[in-house]
PDB file of N, CA and C in Angstrom:
ATOM      1  N   MET A   1      75.438 196.914-103.436  1.00  0.00           N
ATOM      2  CA  MET A   1      74.884 197.325-102.700  1.00  0.00           C
ATOM      3  C   MET A   1      74.286 198.761-103.444  1.00  0.00           C
ATOM      4  N   ASP A   2      72.887 198.740-103.058  1.00  0.00           N
ATOM      5  CA  ASP A   2      72.680 199.898-103.965  1.00  0.00           C
ATOM      6  C   ASP A   2      72.816 201.416-103.048  1.00  0.00           C
ATOM      7  N   ILE A   3      72.281 202.397-103.019  1.00  0.00           N
ATOM      8  CA  ILE A   3      72.366 203.891-102.709  1.00  0.00           C
ATOM      9  C   ILE A   3      71.079 203.882-101.749  1.00  0.00           C
ATOM     10  N   SER A   4      70.199 203.233-101.602  1.00  0.00           N
ATOM     11  CA  SER A   4      69.322 202.934-100.690  1.00  0.00           C
ATOM     12  C   SER A   4      69.543 202.293 -99.338  1.00  0.00           C
ATOM     13  N   SER A   5      70.411 201.181 -99.587  1.00  0.00           N
ATOM     14  CA  SER A   5      70.565 200.356 -98.718  1.00  0.00           C
ATOM     15  C   SER A   5      72.369 200.971 -98.143  1.00  0.00           C
ATOM     16  N   ALA A   6      72.408 201.729 -98.794  1.00  0.00           N
ATOM     17  CA  ALA A   6      74.289 202.484 -98.135  1.00  0.00           C
ATOM     18  C   ALA A   6      73.919 203.579 -97.542  1.00  0.00           C
ATOM     19  N   LEU A   7      72.448 204.250 -97.223  1.00  0.00           N
ATOM     20  CA  LEU A   7      71.922 204.785 -96.368  1.00  0.00           C
ATOM     21  C   LEU A   7      71.678 204.843 -95.699  1.00  0.00           C
ATOM     22  N   LYS A   8      70.940 203.821 -95.895  1.00  0.00           N
ATOM     23  CA  LYS A   8      70.415 202.956 -94.254  1.00  0.00           C
ATOM     24  C   LYS A   8      71.571 202.779 -93.540  1.00  0.00           C
ATOM     25  N   GLU A   9      72.435 202.173 -94.398  1.00  0.00           N
ATOM     26  CA  GLU A   9      74.059 201.964 -93.324  1.00  0.00           C
ATOM     27  C   GLU A   9      74.128 202.745 -92.490  1.00  0.00           C
ATOM     28  N   LEU A  10      75.114 204.218 -93.343  1.00  0.00           N
ATOM     29  CA  LEU A  10      75.274 205.065 -93.179  1.00  0.00           C
ATOM     30  C   LEU A  10      74.238 206.191 -91.907  1.00  0.00           C
ATOM     31  N   CYS A  11      73.774 205.841 -91.906  1.00  0.00           N
ATOM     32  CA  CYS A  11      72.230 206.449 -91.052  1.00  0.00           C
ATOM     33  C   CYS A  11      72.333 205.250 -89.588  1.00  0.00           C
ATOM     34  N   GLU A  12      72.408 203.728 -89.593  1.00  0.00           N
ATOM     35  CA  GLU A  12      72.736 203.210 -88.630  1.00  0.00           C
ATOM     36  C   GLU A  12      74.023 203.738 -88.049  1.00  0.00           C
ATOM     37  N   GLU A  13      74.665 203.944 -88.723  1.00  0.00           N
ATOM     38  CA  GLU A  13      76.686 204.419 -88.353  1.00  0.00           C
ATOM     39  C   GLU A  13      76.456 205.642 -87.592  1.00  0.00           C
ATOM     40  N   VAL A  14      76.161 206.558 -87.836  1.00  0.00           N
ATOM     41  CA  VAL A  14      75.932 207.784 -87.646  1.00  0.00           C
ATOM     42  C   VAL A  14      75.220 207.698 -86.192  1.00  0.00           C
ATOM     43  N   LYS A  15      73.688 207.005 -86.013  1.00  0.00           N
ATOM     44  CA  LYS A  15      73.487 206.370 -84.730  1.00  0.00           C
ATOM     45  C   LYS A  15      74.188 205.831 -83.774  1.00  0.00           C
ATOM     46  N   SER A  16      75.121 205.292 -84.312  1.00  0.00           N
ATOM     47  CA  SER A  16      75.584 204.473 -83.335  1.00  0.00           C
ATOM     48  C   SER A  16      76.746 204.919 -82.603  1.00  0.00           C
ATOM     49  N   ILE A  17      77.518 206.226 -83.470  1.00  0.00           N
ATOM     50  CA  ILE A  17      78.655 206.938 -83.149  1.00  0.00           C
ATOM     51  C   ILE A  17      78.373 207.991 -82.312  1.00  0.00           C
ATOM     52  N   ILE A  18      76.847 208.484 -82.765  1.00  0.00           N
ATOM     53  CA  ILE A  18      76.483 209.566 -81.281  1.00  0.00           C
ATOM     54  C   ILE A  18      76.147 208.943 -80.041  1.00  0.00           C
ATOM     55  N   THR A  19      75.593 207.626 -80.442  1.00  0.00           N
ATOM     56  CA  THR A  19      74.912 206.698 -78.709  1.00  0.00           C
ATOM     57  C   THR A  19      76.264 206.458 -78.370  1.00  0.00           C
ATOM     58  N   GLU A  20      77.267 205.994 -78.458  1.00  0.00           N
ATOM     59  CA  GLU A  20      78.606 205.781 -78.336  1.00  0.00           C
ATOM     60  C   GLU A  20      79.608 206.788 -77.602  1.00  0.00           C
ATOM     61  N   ARG A  21      78.816 207.807 -78.014  1.00  0.00           N
ATOM     62  CA  ARG A  21      79.896 209.303 -77.805  1.00  0.00           C
ATOM     63  C   ARG A  21      79.036 209.791 -76.219  1.00  0.00           C
ATOM     64  N   ILE A  22      77.404 209.332 -76.217  1.00  0.00           N
ATOM     65  CA  ILE A  22      76.649 209.745 -75.625  1.00  0.00           C
ATOM     66  C   ILE A  22      77.030 208.702 -74.195  1.00  0.00           C
ATOM     67  N   ARG A  23      77.313 207.645 -74.159  1.00  0.00           N
ATOM     68  CA  ARG A  23      77.417 207.025 -73.395  1.00  0.00           C
ATOM     69  C   ARG A  23      78.833 207.026 -72.650  1.00  0.00           C
ATOM     70  N   ARG A  24      80.010 207.103 -73.530  1.00  0.00           N
ATOM     71  CA  ARG A  24      81.494 207.917 -73.370  1.00  0.00           C
ATOM     72  C   ARG A  24      81.229 209.429 -72.461  1.00  0.00           C
ATOM     73  N   TYR A  25      80.963 209.753 -73.208  1.00  0.00           N
ATOM     74  CA  TYR A  25      81.011 211.618 -71.764  1.00  0.00           C
ATOM     75  C   TYR A  25      79.598 211.813 -71.026  1.00  0.00           C
ATOM     76  N   GLY A  26      78.537 210.598 -71.011  1.00  0.00           N
ATOM     77  CA  GLY A  26      77.862 211.178 -70.504  1.00  0.00           C
ATOM     78  C   GLY A  26      77.994 211.092 -68.678  1.00  0.00           C
ATOM     79  N   THR A  27      79.154 210.873 -68.299  1.00  0.00           N
ATOM     80  CA  THR A  27      79.475 210.068 -66.856  1.00  0.00           C
ATOM     81  C   THR A  27      79.525 211.631 -66.048  1.00  0.00           C
ATOM     82  N   ASN A  28      78.767 211.955 -65.128  1.00  0.00           N
ATOM     83  CA  ASN A  28      78.890 212.662 -64.078  1.00  0.00           C
ATOM     84  C   ASN A  28      80.091 212.654 -63.336  1.00  0.00           C
ATOM     85  N   PRO A  29      81.414 213.304 -63.631  1.00  0.00           N
ATOM     86  CA  PRO A  29      82.342 213.195 -62.693  1.00  0.00           C
ATOM     87  C   PRO A  29      82.359 212.875 -61.155  1.00  0.00           C
ATOM     88  N   ARG A  30      81.709 214.126 -60.848  1.00  0.00           N
ATOM     89  CA  ARG A  30      81.066 213.738 -59.048  1.00  0.00           C
ATOM     90  C   ARG A  30      80.807 212.806 -58.670  1.00  0.00           C
ATOM     91  N   THR A  31      79.658 211.950 -59.691  1.00  0.00           N
ATOM     92  CA  THR A  31      78.765 210.734 -58.646  1.00  0.00           C
ATOM     93  C   THR A  31      79.496 209.304 -59.245  1.00  0.00           C
ATOM     94  N   GLY A  32      79.927 209.717 -60.680  1.00  0.00           N
ATOM     95  CA  GLY A  32      80.154 208.473 -61.439  1.00  0.00           C
ATOM     96  C   GLY A  32      79.374 207.533 -61.954  1.00  0.00           C
ATOM     97  N   THR A  33      78.156 208.670 -61.917  1.00  0.00           N
ATOM     98  CA  THR A  33      76.636 207.689 -62.757  1.00  0.00           C
ATOM     99  C   THR A  33      76.801 208.759 -64.540  1.00  0.00           C
ATOM    100  N   ASN A  34      76.037 207.551 -65.014  1.00  0.00           N
ATOM    101  CA  ASN A  34      75.867 207.985 -66.617  1.00  0.00           C
ATOM    102  C   ASN A  34      74.390 208.512 -66.406  1.00  0.00           C
ATOM    103  N   THR A  35      73.493 209.329 -66.386  1.00  0.00           N
ATOM    104  CA  THR A  35      72.051 209.262 -66.341  1.00  0.00           C
ATOM    105  C   THR A  35      71.520 210.052 -67.936  1.00  0.00           C
ATOM    106  N   LEU A  36      72.430 209.804 -68.479  1.00  0.00           N
ATOM    107  CA  LEU A  36      71.790 209.881 -70.036  1.00  0.00           C
ATOM    108  C   LEU A  36      72.016 209.185 -70.710  1.00  0.00           C
ATOM    109  N   ILE A  37      72.226 207.493 -70.159  1.00  0.00           N
ATOM    110  CA  ILE A  37      72.384 206.082 -71.061  1.00  0.00           C
ATOM    111  C   ILE A  37      70.866 205.931 -70.600  1.00  0.00           C
ATOM    112  N   GLY A  38      69.707 205.811 -71.753  1.00  0.00           N
ATOM    113  CA  GLY A  38      68.274 205.346 -71.705  1.00  0.00           C
ATOM    114  C   GLY A  38      67.428 206.961 -71.742  1.00  0.00           C
ATOM    115  N   SER A  39      68.168 207.736 -71.179  1.00  0.00           N
ATOM    116  CA  SER A  39      67.831 209.313 -71.474  1.00  0.00           C
ATOM    117  C   SER A  39      67.030 209.157 -72.550  1.00  0.00           C
ATOM    118  N   ASP A  40      65.969 210.859 -72.572  1.00  0.00           N
ATOM    119  CA  ASP A  40      65.242 211.356 -73.646  1.00  0.00           C
ATOM    120  C   ASP A  40      65.995 212.027 -74.224  1.00  0.00           C
ATOM    121  N   LEU A  41      67.359 212.592 -73.888  1.00  0.00           N
ATOM    122  CA  LEU A  41      68.503 212.411 -75.428  1.00  0.00           C
ATOM    123  C   LEU A  41      69.012 211.244 -75.858  1.00  0.00           C
ATOM    124  N   GLU A  42      69.543 210.977 -75.485  1.00  0.00           N
ATOM    125  CA  GLU A  42      69.412 209.011 -75.900  1.00  0.00           C
ATOM    126  C   GLU A  42      68.516 208.842 -77.188  1.00  0.00           C
ATOM    127  N   LYS A  43      66.922 208.606 -76.455  1.00  0.00           N
ATOM    128  CA  LYS A  43      66.026 208.194 -77.298  1.00  0.00           C
ATOM    129  C   LYS A  43      65.283 209.409 -78.729  1.00  0.00           C
ATOM    130  N   SER A  44      65.984 210.391 -78.377  1.00  0.00           N
ATOM    131  CA  SER A  44      65.497 211.430 -79.096  1.00  0.00           C
ATOM    132  C   SER A  44      66.528 211.562 -80.248  1.00  0.00           C
ATOM    133  N   ILE A  45      67.504 210.773 -80.489  1.00  0.00           N
ATOM    134  CA  ILE A  45      68.284 210.633 -81.597  1.00  0.00           C
ATOM    135  C   ILE A  45      67.530 209.730 -83.047  1.00  0.00           C
ATOM    136  N   ASP A  46      67.865 210.269 -84.049  1.00  0.00           N
ATOM    137  CA  ASP A  46      67.153 209.911 -84.871  1.00  0.00           C
ATOM    138  C   ASP A  46      67.183 210.176 -86.021  1.00  0.00           C
ATOM    139  N   VAL A  47      67.827 209.083 -87.050  1.00  0.00           N
ATOM    140  CA  VAL A  47      69.271 209.204 -88.166  1.00  0.00           C
ATOM    141  C   VAL A  47      68.505 208.719 -89.568  1.00  0.00           C
ATOM    142  N   ARG A  48      68.114 209.501 -90.811  1.00  0.00           N
ATOM    143  CA  ARG A  48      67.065 208.803 -91.489  1.00  0.00           C
ATOM    144  C   ARG A  48      67.177 208.667 -92.611  1.00  0.00           C
ATOM    145  N   PRO A  49      67.784 208.324 -93.981  1.00  0.00           N
ATOM    146  CA  PRO A  49      67.818 208.595 -95.630  1.00  0.00           C
ATOM    147  C   PRO A  49      67.000 209.424 -95.415  1.00  0.00           C
ATOM    148  N   THR A  50      67.151 210.600 -96.777  1.00  0.00           N
ATOM    149  CA  THR A  50      66.263 211.744 -97.334  1.00  0.00           C
ATOM    150  C   THR A  50      66.745 211.481 -98.681  1.00  0.00           C
ATOM    151  N   ASP A  51      65.692 212.015 -99.423  1.00  0.00           N
ATOM    152  CA  ASP A  51      66.419 211.849-100.709  1.00  0.00           C
ATOM    153  C   ASP A  51      67.362 212.450-101.485  1.00  0.00           C
ATOM    154  N   ASP A  52      67.779 213.342-100.392  1.00  0.00           N
ATOM    155  CA  ASP A  52      69.451 213.686-100.766  1.00  0.00           C
ATOM    156  C   ASP A  52      70.551 213.570 -99.962  1.00  0.00           C
ATOM    157  N   GLY A  53      70.148 212.952 -98.815  1.00  0.00           N
ATOM    158  CA  GLY A  53      71.343 212.338 -98.169  1.00  0.00           C
ATOM    159  C   GLY A  53      71.181 211.485 -96.954  1.00  0.00           C
ATOM    160  N   ILE A  54      71.160 211.984 -95.563  1.00  0.00           N
ATOM    161  CA  ILE A  54      70.599 211.836 -94.152  1.00  0.00           C
ATOM    162  C   ILE A  54      70.113 212.791 -93.371  1.00  0.00           C
ATOM    163  N   ALA A  55      69.205 212.363 -92.901  1.00  0.00           N
ATOM    164  CA  ALA A  55      68.482 213.398 -91.796  1.00  0.00           C
ATOM    165  C   ALA A  55      68.642 213.141 -90.545  1.00  0.00           C
ATOM    166  N   LEU A  56      69.677 214.204 -89.338  1.00  0.00           N
ATOM    167  CA  LEU A  56      70.081 213.866 -87.968  1.00  0.00           C
ATOM    168  C   LEU A  56      69.038 214.730 -87.663  1.00  0.00           C
ATOM    169  N   GLN A  57      68.607 214.049 -86.550  1.00  0.00           N
ATOM    170  CA  GLN A  57      67.535 215.032 -85.431  1.00  0.00           C
ATOM    171  C   GLN A  57      67.855 214.344 -83.965  1.00  0.00           C
ATOM    172  N   ILE A  58      68.271 215.303 -82.944  1.00  0.00           N
ATOM    173  CA  ILE A  58      68.691 215.058 -81.811  1.00  0.00           C
ATOM    174  C   ILE A  58      68.169 215.931 -80.621  1.00  0.00           C
ATOM    175  N   ALA A  59      67.797 215.931 -79.298  1.00  0.00           N
ATOM    176  CA  ALA A  59      67.525 216.840 -78.626  1.00  0.00           C
ATOM    177  C   ALA A  59      68.729 217.761 -78.614  1.00  0.00           C
ATOM    178  N   ASP A  60      68.596 219.390 -78.473  1.00  0.00           N
ATOM    179  CA  ASP A  60      69.510 220.415 -78.845  1.00  0.00           C
ATOM    180  C   ASP A  60      69.778 220.553 -77.530  1.00  0.00           C
ATOM    181  N   TYR A  61      69.549 219.442 -76.042  1.00  0.00           N
ATOM    182  CA  TYR A  61      70.372 220.389 -74.896  1.00  0.00           C
ATOM    183  C   TYR A  61      71.810 219.480 -74.742  1.00  0.00           C
ATOM    184  N   TRP A  62      71.977 218.826 -75.736  1.00  0.00           N
ATOM    185  CA  TRP A  62      73.508 217.514 -75.521  1.00  0.00           C
ATOM    186  C   TRP A  62      74.238 218.484 -74.513  1.00  0.00           C
ATOM    187  N   GLU A  63      74.891 219.829 -74.761  1.00  0.00           N
ATOM    188  CA  GLU A  63      76.162 220.089 -74.026  1.00  0.00           C
ATOM    189  C   GLU A  63      75.773 220.454 -72.628  1.00  0.00           C
ATOM    190  N   PHE A  64      74.612 220.982 -72.982  1.00  0.00           N
ATOM    191  CA  PHE A  64      73.534 221.356 -71.105  1.00  0.00           C
ATOM    192  C   PHE A  64      74.055 219.866 -70.399  1.00  0.00           C
ATOM    193  N   VAL A  65      73.204 218.966 -70.540  1.00  0.00           N
ATOM    194  CA  VAL A  65      73.726 217.817 -69.739  1.00  0.00           C
ATOM    195  C   VAL A  65      74.730 216.910 -69.913  1.00  0.00           C
ATOM    196  N   ALA A  66      75.611 217.091 -71.443  1.00  0.00           N
ATOM    197  CA  ALA A  66      76.912 216.589 -70.893  1.00  0.00           C
ATOM    198  C   ALA A  66      78.222 216.936 -70.208  1.00  0.00           C
ATOM    199  N   ARG A  67      78.137 218.063 -70.311  1.00  0.00           N
ATOM    200  CA  ARG A  67      79.260 219.166 -69.519  1.00  0.00           C
ATOM    201  C   ARG A  67      79.167 219.550 -68.211  1.00  0.00           C
ATOM    202  N   GLY A  68      77.745 219.127 -67.961  1.00  0.00           N
ATOM    203  CA  GLY A  68      77.374 219.916 -66.718  1.00  0.00           C
ATOM    204  C   GLY A  68      76.930 221.065 -66.807  1.00  0.00           C
ATOM    205  N   TRP A  69      76.539 221.988 -67.316  1.00  0.00           N
ATOM    206  CA  TRP A  69      76.307 223.575 -67.410  1.00  0.00           C
ATOM    207  C   TRP A  69      75.103 223.666 -67.070  1.00  0.00           C
ATOM    208  N   LYS A  70      74.973 224.906 -66.261  1.00  0.00           N
ATOM    209  CA  LYS A  70      73.221 225.022 -65.492  1.00  0.00           C
ATOM    210  C   LYS A  70      72.103 224.844 -66.933  1.00  0.00           C
ATOM    211  N   ARG A  71      71.014 224.738 -66.531  1.00  0.00           N
ATOM    212  CA  ARG A  71      70.115 224.459 -67.752  1.00  0.00           C
ATOM    213  C   ARG A  71      69.474 225.614 -68.073  1.00  0.00           C
ATOM    214  N   THR A  72      69.835 226.632 -67.498  1.00  0.00           N
ATOM    215  CA  THR A  72      69.250 228.156 -67.466  1.00  0.00           C
ATOM    216  C   THR A  72      70.427 228.936 -68.559  1.00  0.00           C
ATOM    217  N   GLY A  73      70.545 229.937 -69.241  1.00  0.00           N
ATOM    218  CA  GLY A  73      70.995 231.200 -69.590  1.00  0.00           C
ATOM    219  C   GLY A  73      70.878 230.613 -71.022  1.00  0.00           C
ATOM    220  N   ASN A  74      71.557 231.141 -71.712  1.00  0.00           N
ATOM    221  CA  ASN A  74      71.716 231.531 -72.749  1.00  0.00           C
ATOM    222  C   ASN A  74      73.518 230.950 -73.223  1.00  0.00           C
ATOM    223  N   TYR A  75      73.694 229.559 -74.424  1.00  0.00           N
ATOM    224  CA  TYR A  75      75.026 229.193 -74.567  1.00  0.00           C
ATOM    225  C   TYR A  75      75.213 229.249 -75.926  1.00  0.00           C
ATOM    226  N   PRO A  76      75.220 230.061 -76.331  1.00  0.00           N
ATOM    227  CA  PRO A  76      75.439 230.383 -78.248  1.00  0.00           C
ATOM    228  C   PRO A  76      76.435 229.497 -78.644  1.00  0.00           C
ATOM    229  N   GLY A  77      76.013 228.597 -79.914  1.00  0.00           N
ATOM    230  CA  GLY A  77      76.576 227.839 -80.588  1.00  0.00           C
ATOM    231  C   GLY A  77      76.625 226.247 -79.791  1.00  0.00           C
ATOM    232  N   THR A  78      75.642 225.844 -78.563  1.00  0.00           N
ATOM    233  CA  THR A  78      76.395 224.407 -78.258  1.00  0.00           C
ATOM    234  C   THR A  78      75.955 223.317 -79.230  1.00  0.00           C
ATOM    235  N   MET A  79      74.878 223.690 -79.966  1.00  0.00           N
ATOM    236  CA  MET A  79      74.760 222.515 -81.054  1.00  0.00           C
ATOM    237  C   MET A  79      75.450 222.739 -81.757  1.00  0.00           C
ATOM    238  N   ARG A  80      75.845 223.601 -82.440  1.00  0.00           N
ATOM    239  CA  ARG A  80      76.815 223.513 -83.871  1.00  0.00           C
ATOM    240  C   ARG A  80      78.686 222.958 -82.785  1.00  0.00           C
ATOM    241  N   LEU A  81      78.884 223.344 -81.486  1.00  0.00           N
ATOM    242  CA  LEU A  81      79.569 222.660 -80.997  1.00  0.00           C
ATOM    243  C   LEU A  81      79.532 220.810 -80.778  1.00  0.00           C
ATOM    244  N   PHE A  82      78.785 220.885 -80.696  1.00  0.00           N
ATOM    245  CA  PHE A  82      78.452 219.426 -80.512  1.00  0.00           C
ATOM    246  C   PHE A  82      78.545 218.287 -81.734  1.00  0.00           C
ATOM    247  N   VAL A  83      78.075 218.874 -82.931  1.00  0.00           N
ATOM    248  CA  VAL A  83      78.108 218.212 -84.501  1.00  0.00           C
ATOM    249  C   VAL A  83      79.395 218.542 -84.749  1.00  0.00           C
ATOM    250  N   ARG A  84      80.048 219.060 -84.160  1.00  0.00           N
ATOM    251  CA  ARG A  84      81.755 219.607 -85.024  1.00  0.00           C
ATOM    252  C   ARG A  84      82.588 218.455 -84.088  1.00  0.00           C
ATOM    253  N   ASN A  85      81.624 218.414 -82.768  1.00  0.00           N
ATOM    254  CA  ASN A  85      82.572 217.054 -81.971  1.00  0.00           C
ATOM    255  C   ASN A  85      82.185 215.799 -82.064  1.00  0.00           C
ATOM    256  N   ILE A  86      81.311 215.559 -82.941  1.00  0.00           N
ATOM    257  CA  ILE A  86      81.086 214.125 -83.147  1.00  0.00           C
ATOM    258  C   ILE A  86      81.831 213.377 -83.713  1.00  0.00           C
ATOM    259  N   ASP A  87      82.866 213.907 -84.974  1.00  0.00           N
ATOM    260  CA  ASP A  87      83.873 212.943 -85.820  1.00  0.00           C
ATOM    261  C   ASP A  87      85.280 212.514 -84.723  1.00  0.00           C
TER     262      ASP A  87
END
């Protein structure tokens, strides 16, 4: 397998992991529904090869939506926490 194919495969794996986490943790405990499936958040996931690795782009409101936090105010580090909790 060449490096280009390996990076494409890695990108698909990363996207799959993030999508699976959205589906697993996006359920609202009060209603039992998961409005994140097919949402703008899920659609915003973009993982692609670059010259020196891979690039990940995703809307930065994951923690607000998934955790049910208010969508106003300042929650420092939420994207950092999301990235750390992917694995």
